[in-house]
Amino acid sequence: MKRSTMFVLLTGLLGLFLTGCATHSLMRGSVVMKESDTSAHVCLGQNEVKVGDRLQLYKNVCTGRIGGKLDNRICKRVDGGFGEVTKILNEHYSVVSFPAGTSFGEGDTLEKSTR
């Protein structure tokens, strides 16, 4: 393999690694995949939570107009209930279970509960 080809491949792999790490810090606490009506994969890993941890769910509610020269949207975080870590998947993800009837979806966020 030519040196230039090897350099491009190694540079690309390094970029993917660095992007993955940066993405985790930006997505931290996000619901990334809804498994069922009571379970989701969340971007909180083995060094951030443990099985049994109680997490506060927040929904992002935005109102207002989009478009024009000014964006008049106003967003706020609204309490959405609680979930519990039921499984650690790896350094980036865990599974959280919610009580039946809790409304949650991809893009909602979770934080360790102090209550």
Protein backbone atom coordinates (compact mmCIF):
# COMPACT_ATOMS: atom_id res chain seq x y z
CA MET A 1 0.00 0.00 0.00
CA LYS A 2 1.33 3.43 -0.89
CA ARG A 3 2.29 5.79 1.91
CA SER A 4 -0.22 8.43 0.78
CA THR A 5 -3.09 5.92 0.81
CA MET A 6 -2.07 4.67 4.27
CA PHE A 7 -1.91 8.28 5.56
CA VAL A 8 -5.42 9.03 4.26
CA LEU A 9 -6.82 5.87 5.87
CA LEU A 10 -5.17 6.53 9.23
CA THR A 11 -6.25 10.18 9.20
CA GLY A 12 -9.84 9.12 8.45
CA LEU A 13 -9.86 6.58 11.29
CA LEU A 14 -8.48 9.13 13.73
CA GLY A 15 -11.19 11.59 12.63
CA LEU A 16 -13.92 9.01 13.24
CA PHE A 17 -12.54 8.27 16.70
CA LEU A 18 -12.38 11.94 17.67
CA THR A 19 -15.83 12.65 16.23
CA GLY A 20 -17.32 9.76 18.22
CA CYS A 21 -15.91 11.11 21.47
CA ALA A 22 -17.09 14.65 20.74
CA THR A 23 -20.54 13.43 19.73
CA HIS A 24 -20.99 11.63 23.05
CA SER A 25 -20.29 14.78 25.05
CA LEU A 26 -22.77 16.74 22.91
CA MET A 27 -25.47 14.06 23.13
CA ARG A 28 -24.92 13.27 26.82
CA GLY A 29 -28.23 12.41 28.49
CA SER A 30 -30.24 12.23 25.25
CA VAL A 31 -32.77 9.54 24.45
CA VAL A 32 -31.21 8.16 21.26
CA MET A 33 -33.48 5.20 20.54
CA LYS A 34 -36.92 4.34 21.84
CA GLU A 35 -37.08 0.54 22.28
CA SER A 36 -40.69 0.31 23.44
CA ASP A 37 -43.36 2.34 25.22
CA THR A 38 -41.41 1.92 28.48
CA SER A 39 -37.74 1.56 27.49
CA ALA A 40 -35.05 3.54 25.67
CA HIS A 41 -31.33 3.66 24.92
CA VAL A 42 -29.82 6.78 26.51
CA CYS A 43 -26.46 8.44 25.94
CA LEU A 44 -25.17 7.89 29.48
CA GLY A 45 -22.50 5.23 29.86
CA GLN A 46 -20.71 3.09 32.41
CA ASN A 47 -18.69 5.94 33.94
CA GLU A 48 -21.76 8.19 34.30
CA VAL A 49 -24.56 6.01 35.70
CA LYS A 50 -25.09 2.64 37.34
CA VAL A 51 -27.97 0.16 37.34
CA GLY A 52 -30.69 1.41 39.66
CA ASP A 53 -29.91 5.13 39.25
CA ARG A 54 -33.04 7.29 39.11
CA LEU A 55 -33.06 9.83 36.27
CA GLN A 56 -35.19 12.93 35.75
CA LEU A 57 -36.74 13.11 32.27
CA TYR A 58 -37.02 16.50 30.56
CA LYS A 59 -38.99 17.33 27.44
CA ASN A 60 -38.02 20.32 25.29
CA VAL A 61 -41.11 22.39 24.51
CA CYS A 62 -40.66 25.12 21.90
CA THR A 63 -43.24 27.69 20.86
CA GLY A 64 -43.24 30.59 18.44
CA ARG A 65 -42.63 31.29 14.78
CA ILE A 66 -39.78 29.98 12.65
CA GLY A 67 -38.55 31.96 9.68
CA GLY A 68 -38.01 35.48 8.51
CA LYS A 69 -35.06 37.49 9.69
CA LEU A 70 -35.74 36.70 13.32
CA ASP A 71 -36.41 33.37 14.91
CA ASN A 72 -39.13 33.98 17.50
CA ARG A 73 -39.08 30.52 19.02
CA ILE A 74 -38.79 30.18 22.76
CA CYS A 75 -37.85 26.81 24.21
CA LYS A 76 -38.05 25.60 27.77
CA ARG A 77 -37.36 22.37 29.63
CA VAL A 78 -40.42 20.73 31.14
CA ASP A 79 -40.34 17.92 33.71
CA GLY A 80 -41.49 14.70 32.08
CA GLY A 81 -41.23 12.20 34.91
CA PHE A 82 -38.60 9.72 36.01
CA GLY A 83 -36.81 6.69 34.64
CA GLU A 84 -34.45 4.09 36.06
CA VAL A 85 -31.24 2.68 34.60
CA THR A 86 -31.83 -1.04 34.06
CA LYS A 87 -28.76 -2.01 32.02
CA ILE A 88 -25.37 -0.54 31.13
CA LEU A 89 -24.55 -1.28 27.48
CA ASN A 90 -21.03 0.21 27.20
CA GLU A 91 -19.01 3.37 27.85
CA HIS A 92 -21.53 5.49 25.92
CA TYR A 93 -25.01 3.99 26.36
CA SER A 94 -27.39 2.50 28.89
CA VAL A 95 -31.00 1.30 28.92
CA VAL A 96 -33.55 3.26 30.93
CA SER A 97 -37.03 2.02 31.83
CA PHE A 98 -39.97 4.33 32.46
CA PRO A 99 -43.25 3.71 34.26
CA ALA A 100 -46.17 2.79 31.98
CA GLY A 101 -47.85 5.92 30.62
CA THR A 102 -44.70 8.09 30.69
CA SER A 103 -44.42 10.08 27.47
CA PHE A 104 -40.84 10.16 26.11
CA GLY A 105 -39.11 10.16 22.77
CA GLU A 106 -35.85 10.55 20.92
CA GLY A 107 -34.31 13.92 21.70
CA ASP A 108 -35.70 14.16 25.24
CA THR A 109 -32.98 14.41 27.90
CA LEU A 110 -32.25 12.77 31.22
CA GLU A 111 -30.18 13.81 34.21
CA LYS A 112 -29.41 12.09 37.50
CA SER A 113 -32.20 12.87 39.91
CA THR A 114 -31.54 14.61 43.20
CA ARG A 115 -35.09 13.86 44.41
